[in-house]
Amino acid sequence: MLIGYGMTLAGGYIATTMKKIRGWCFLGGAIALVVAIYCLMDATGKTLLRSAGEISLSQLPHHIAMAFGKDQYGLPVFRSHPRRTSGHFSPRAAGLS
């Protein structure tokens, strides 16, 4: 509850002094965006590539699109799984159908 109260006070302060602190708000938003993209790249690399664990920024959209592809159901695509070489989720192979 205190977190919500603090966010309300911060939001009220920002709303009343927006002209003064607009640059700081954009800077904070840019830093938050960079940290979020880095965390997404790290989590995606560790989930999909296991031991290698790192993907580049240009590979990130491809891996996210593969995870939400046809018959994937939003599950991660494991390329290093010993029983599947195609890398695509199969409901039949997983015993779901």
N, C-alpha and C. Protein backbone atom coordinates (compact mmCIF):
# COMPACT_ATOMS: atom_id res chain seq x y z
N MET A 1 0.82 -1.17 0.00
CA MET A 1 0.00 0.00 0.00
C MET A 1 0.88 1.26 0.00
N LEU A 2 2.01 1.18 0.68
CA LEU A 2 2.90 2.33 0.71
C LEU A 2 3.51 2.60 -0.67
N ILE A 3 3.72 1.55 -1.45
CA ILE A 3 4.26 1.74 -2.80
C ILE A 3 3.26 2.53 -3.64
N GLY A 4 1.99 2.15 -3.56
CA GLY A 4 0.95 2.88 -4.30
C GLY A 4 0.83 4.32 -3.84
N TYR A 5 0.96 4.54 -2.55
CA TYR A 5 0.91 5.90 -2.02
C TYR A 5 2.09 6.72 -2.54
N GLY A 6 3.27 6.13 -2.53
CA GLY A 6 4.46 6.82 -3.05
C GLY A 6 4.34 7.12 -4.53
N MET A 7 3.80 6.17 -5.30
CA MET A 7 3.62 6.41 -6.73
C MET A 7 2.60 7.52 -6.98
N THR A 8 1.57 7.57 -6.14
CA THR A 8 0.56 8.63 -6.28
C THR A 8 1.17 10.00 -5.99
N LEU A 9 1.99 10.08 -4.94
CA LEU A 9 2.64 11.35 -4.64
C LEU A 9 3.61 11.75 -5.75
N ALA A 10 4.38 10.78 -6.27
CA ALA A 10 5.32 11.09 -7.35
C ALA A 10 4.56 11.53 -8.60
N GLY A 11 3.47 10.84 -8.92
CA GLY A 11 2.66 11.23 -10.07
C GLY A 11 2.06 12.61 -9.93
N GLY A 12 1.59 12.93 -8.74
CA GLY A 12 1.04 14.26 -8.49
C GLY A 12 2.10 15.34 -8.62
N TYR A 13 3.30 15.07 -8.12
CA TYR A 13 4.39 16.04 -8.23
C TYR A 13 4.78 16.25 -9.69
N ILE A 14 4.87 15.15 -10.42
CA ILE A 14 5.23 15.25 -11.84
C ILE A 14 4.15 16.02 -12.60
N ALA A 15 2.89 15.76 -12.29
CA ALA A 15 1.80 16.43 -13.01
C ALA A 15 1.81 17.93 -12.75
N THR A 16 2.18 18.34 -11.55
CA THR A 16 2.13 19.78 -11.24
C THR A 16 3.38 20.52 -11.68
N THR A 17 4.50 19.83 -11.86
CA THR A 17 5.76 20.50 -12.24
C THR A 17 6.32 19.95 -13.54
N MET A 18 5.45 19.59 -14.44
CA MET A 18 5.89 18.93 -15.67
C MET A 18 6.83 19.80 -16.51
N LYS A 19 6.60 21.07 -16.58
CA LYS A 19 7.45 21.93 -17.41
C LYS A 19 8.88 21.97 -16.90
N LYS A 20 9.06 21.93 -15.58
CA LYS A 20 10.40 21.98 -15.00
C LYS A 20 11.16 20.67 -15.16
N ILE A 21 10.47 19.54 -15.00
CA ILE A 21 11.17 18.25 -14.93
C ILE A 21 10.93 17.37 -16.15
N ARG A 22 10.44 17.96 -17.22
CA ARG A 22 10.14 17.18 -18.42
C ARG A 22 11.37 16.44 -18.95
N GLY A 23 12.51 17.10 -19.00
CA GLY A 23 13.75 16.47 -19.48
C GLY A 23 14.16 15.29 -18.62
N TRP A 24 14.03 15.45 -17.29
CA TRP A 24 14.38 14.34 -16.39
C TRP A 24 13.44 13.17 -16.58
N CYS A 25 12.17 13.44 -16.86
CA CYS A 25 11.21 12.35 -17.10
C CYS A 25 11.57 11.58 -18.37
N PHE A 26 11.94 12.30 -19.44
CA PHE A 26 12.36 11.62 -20.66
C PHE A 26 13.63 10.82 -20.44
N LEU A 27 14.57 11.37 -19.69
CA LEU A 27 15.81 10.65 -19.40
C LEU A 27 15.52 9.38 -18.59
N GLY A 28 14.68 9.48 -17.58
CA GLY A 28 14.31 8.31 -16.79
C GLY A 28 13.59 7.26 -17.62
N GLY A 29 12.72 7.70 -18.52
CA GLY A 29 12.03 6.76 -19.41
C GLY A 29 12.97 6.08 -20.37
N ALA A 30 13.96 6.82 -20.89
CA ALA A 30 14.94 6.23 -21.80
C ALA A 30 15.81 5.20 -21.08
N ILE A 31 16.21 5.52 -19.86
CA ILE A 31 17.00 4.56 -19.08
C ILE A 31 16.19 3.31 -18.77
N ALA A 32 14.93 3.48 -18.40
CA ALA A 32 14.06 2.34 -18.12
C ALA A 32 13.88 1.48 -19.37
N LEU A 33 13.75 2.10 -20.54
CA LEU A 33 13.60 1.36 -21.79
C LEU A 33 14.85 0.55 -22.11
N VAL A 34 16.03 1.14 -21.92
CA VAL A 34 17.28 0.42 -22.18
C VAL A 34 17.43 -0.76 -21.23
N VAL A 35 17.12 -0.57 -19.97
CA VAL A 35 17.22 -1.66 -19.00
C VAL A 35 16.23 -2.77 -19.32
N ALA A 36 15.00 -2.40 -19.72
CA ALA A 36 13.99 -3.41 -20.06
C ALA A 36 14.41 -4.23 -21.29
N ILE A 37 14.95 -3.57 -22.30
CA ILE A 37 15.41 -4.30 -23.49
C ILE A 37 16.57 -5.22 -23.15
N TYR A 38 17.50 -4.74 -22.33
CA TYR A 38 18.63 -5.58 -21.91
C TYR A 38 18.13 -6.82 -21.15
N CYS A 39 17.19 -6.63 -20.22
CA CYS A 39 16.66 -7.75 -19.46
C CYS A 39 15.91 -8.73 -20.36
N LEU A 40 15.17 -8.22 -21.35
CA LEU A 40 14.48 -9.10 -22.30
C LEU A 40 15.47 -9.89 -23.13
N MET A 41 16.56 -9.24 -23.58
CA MET A 41 17.58 -9.95 -24.35
C MET A 41 18.25 -11.02 -23.50
N ASP A 42 18.54 -10.71 -22.26
CA ASP A 42 19.19 -11.66 -21.36
C ASP A 42 18.28 -12.86 -21.08
N ALA A 43 17.02 -12.60 -20.76
CA ALA A 43 16.09 -13.69 -20.46
C ALA A 43 15.82 -14.54 -21.70
N THR A 44 15.68 -13.91 -22.86
CA THR A 44 15.44 -14.65 -24.09
C THR A 44 16.65 -15.50 -24.44
N GLY A 45 17.84 -14.96 -24.31
CA GLY A 45 19.05 -15.73 -24.60
C GLY A 45 19.21 -16.91 -23.68
N LYS A 46 18.97 -16.72 -22.39
CA LYS A 46 19.11 -17.83 -21.44
C LYS A 46 18.02 -18.88 -21.62
N THR A 47 16.83 -18.45 -22.03
CA THR A 47 15.73 -19.40 -22.22
C THR A 47 15.89 -20.19 -23.50
N LEU A 48 16.24 -19.52 -24.58
CA LEU A 48 16.26 -20.17 -25.88
C LEU A 48 17.59 -20.84 -26.22
N LEU A 49 18.67 -20.24 -25.80
CA LEU A 49 19.98 -20.75 -26.22
C LEU A 49 20.73 -21.45 -25.10
N ARG A 50 20.14 -21.54 -23.95
CA ARG A 50 20.67 -22.19 -22.76
C ARG A 50 22.14 -21.90 -22.51
N SER A 51 23.06 -22.74 -23.00
CA SER A 51 24.47 -22.59 -22.64
C SER A 51 25.10 -21.35 -23.27
N ALA A 52 24.73 -21.03 -24.51
CA ALA A 52 25.30 -19.84 -25.16
C ALA A 52 24.81 -18.58 -24.45
N GLY A 53 23.51 -18.48 -24.28
CA GLY A 53 22.92 -17.46 -23.45
C GLY A 53 22.93 -16.02 -23.91
N GLU A 54 23.47 -15.70 -25.07
CA GLU A 54 23.47 -14.31 -25.52
C GLU A 54 22.96 -14.22 -26.95
N ILE A 55 22.08 -13.26 -27.17
CA ILE A 55 21.61 -12.97 -28.52
C ILE A 55 21.82 -11.49 -28.77
N SER A 56 21.90 -11.14 -30.03
CA SER A 56 22.08 -9.73 -30.37
C SER A 56 20.72 -9.04 -30.46
N LEU A 57 20.75 -7.73 -30.47
CA LEU A 57 19.52 -6.96 -30.56
C LEU A 57 18.79 -7.22 -31.88
N SER A 58 19.55 -7.50 -32.94
CA SER A 58 18.92 -7.77 -34.23
C SER A 58 18.25 -9.14 -34.27
N GLN A 59 18.66 -10.08 -33.42
CA GLN A 59 18.05 -11.41 -33.38
C GLN A 59 16.80 -11.45 -32.50
N LEU A 60 16.64 -10.49 -31.61
CA LEU A 60 15.55 -10.50 -30.64
C LEU A 60 14.16 -10.56 -31.29
N PRO A 61 13.83 -9.73 -32.27
CA PRO A 61 12.49 -9.82 -32.87
C PRO A 61 12.21 -11.18 -33.52
N HIS A 62 13.23 -11.79 -34.11
CA HIS A 62 13.06 -13.10 -34.75
C HIS A 62 12.69 -14.16 -33.71
N HIS A 63 13.39 -14.19 -32.59
CA HIS A 63 13.11 -15.19 -31.56
C HIS A 63 11.75 -14.96 -30.90
N ILE A 64 11.36 -13.72 -30.71
CA ILE A 64 10.04 -13.44 -30.14
C ILE A 64 8.95 -13.84 -31.12
N ALA A 65 9.15 -13.56 -32.41
CA ALA A 65 8.16 -13.97 -33.42
C ALA A 65 8.05 -15.49 -33.51
N MET A 66 9.16 -16.20 -33.36
CA MET A 66 9.10 -17.67 -33.37
C MET A 66 8.32 -18.20 -32.19
N ALA A 67 8.45 -17.57 -31.03
CA ALA A 67 7.73 -18.04 -29.84
C ALA A 67 6.22 -17.86 -29.98
N PHE A 68 5.78 -16.90 -30.80
CA PHE A 68 4.35 -16.68 -30.99
C PHE A 68 3.89 -17.11 -32.38
N GLY A 69 4.65 -18.01 -33.02
CA GLY A 69 4.30 -18.53 -34.33
C GLY A 69 3.15 -19.52 -34.27
N LYS A 70 2.80 -20.05 -35.43
CA LYS A 70 1.71 -21.01 -35.54
C LYS A 70 2.02 -22.27 -34.74
N ASP A 71 1.04 -22.75 -33.99
CA ASP A 71 1.13 -23.96 -33.16
C ASP A 71 2.22 -23.87 -32.10
N GLN A 72 2.60 -22.68 -31.70
CA GLN A 72 3.63 -22.51 -30.67
C GLN A 72 3.01 -22.16 -29.32
N TYR A 73 1.87 -21.50 -29.32
CA TYR A 73 1.10 -21.17 -28.13
C TYR A 73 1.88 -20.30 -27.15
N GLY A 74 2.82 -19.48 -27.64
CA GLY A 74 3.58 -18.58 -26.79
C GLY A 74 4.67 -19.26 -25.98
N LEU A 75 4.91 -20.55 -26.23
CA LEU A 75 5.95 -21.27 -25.51
C LEU A 75 7.30 -20.99 -26.14
N PRO A 76 8.38 -21.04 -25.36
CA PRO A 76 9.71 -20.80 -25.94
C PRO A 76 10.10 -21.89 -26.93
N VAL A 77 10.92 -21.52 -27.88
CA VAL A 77 11.41 -22.46 -28.89
C VAL A 77 12.78 -22.93 -28.46
N PHE A 78 12.89 -24.22 -28.14
CA PHE A 78 14.17 -24.78 -27.71
C PHE A 78 14.84 -25.45 -28.89
N ARG A 79 15.90 -24.88 -29.40
CA ARG A 79 16.62 -25.46 -30.52
C ARG A 79 17.55 -26.58 -30.10
N SER A 80 17.94 -26.63 -28.83
CA SER A 80 18.90 -27.63 -28.42
C SER A 80 18.25 -28.85 -27.77
N HIS A 81 16.94 -28.99 -27.91
CA HIS A 81 16.26 -30.14 -27.33
C HIS A 81 16.67 -31.40 -28.08
N PRO A 82 17.06 -32.48 -27.39
CA PRO A 82 17.58 -33.66 -28.08
C PRO A 82 16.55 -34.42 -28.90
N ARG A 83 15.26 -34.32 -28.58
CA ARG A 83 14.26 -35.10 -29.30
C ARG A 83 13.64 -34.37 -30.48
N ARG A 84 13.78 -33.04 -30.52
CA ARG A 84 13.21 -32.26 -31.63
C ARG A 84 14.34 -31.49 -32.30
N THR A 85 14.44 -31.64 -33.58
CA THR A 85 15.47 -30.89 -34.29
C THR A 85 14.90 -29.71 -35.05
N SER A 86 13.57 -29.71 -35.27
CA SER A 86 12.99 -28.61 -36.03
C SER A 86 12.85 -27.34 -35.20
N GLY A 87 12.79 -27.49 -33.87
CA GLY A 87 12.70 -26.32 -33.01
C GLY A 87 11.30 -25.78 -32.84
N HIS A 88 10.28 -26.44 -33.39
CA HIS A 88 8.92 -25.96 -33.26
C HIS A 88 8.14 -26.86 -32.32
N PHE A 89 7.23 -26.27 -31.57
CA PHE A 89 6.43 -27.00 -30.60
C PHE A 89 5.40 -27.84 -31.32
N SER A 90 5.27 -29.08 -30.90
CA SER A 90 4.26 -29.96 -31.47
C SER A 90 3.34 -30.43 -30.35
N PRO A 91 2.05 -30.09 -30.38
CA PRO A 91 1.15 -30.53 -29.34
C PRO A 91 1.06 -32.06 -29.28
N ARG A 92 1.14 -32.71 -30.41
CA ARG A 92 1.07 -34.18 -30.45
C ARG A 92 2.28 -34.79 -29.75
N ALA A 93 3.47 -34.24 -30.00
CA ALA A 93 4.68 -34.77 -29.38
C ALA A 93 4.69 -34.51 -27.88
N ALA A 94 4.05 -33.43 -27.46
CA ALA A 94 4.01 -33.10 -26.04
C ALA A 94 2.87 -33.81 -25.32
N GLY A 95 2.07 -34.58 -26.05
CA GLY A 95 0.97 -35.32 -25.44
C GLY A 95 -0.24 -34.47 -25.13
N LEU A 96 -0.40 -33.33 -25.82
CA LEU A 96 -1.52 -32.43 -25.58
C LEU A 96 -2.70 -32.70 -26.49
N SER A 97 -2.55 -33.52 -27.50
CA SER A 97 -3.70 -33.79 -28.37
C SER A 97 -3.89 -35.27 -28.57
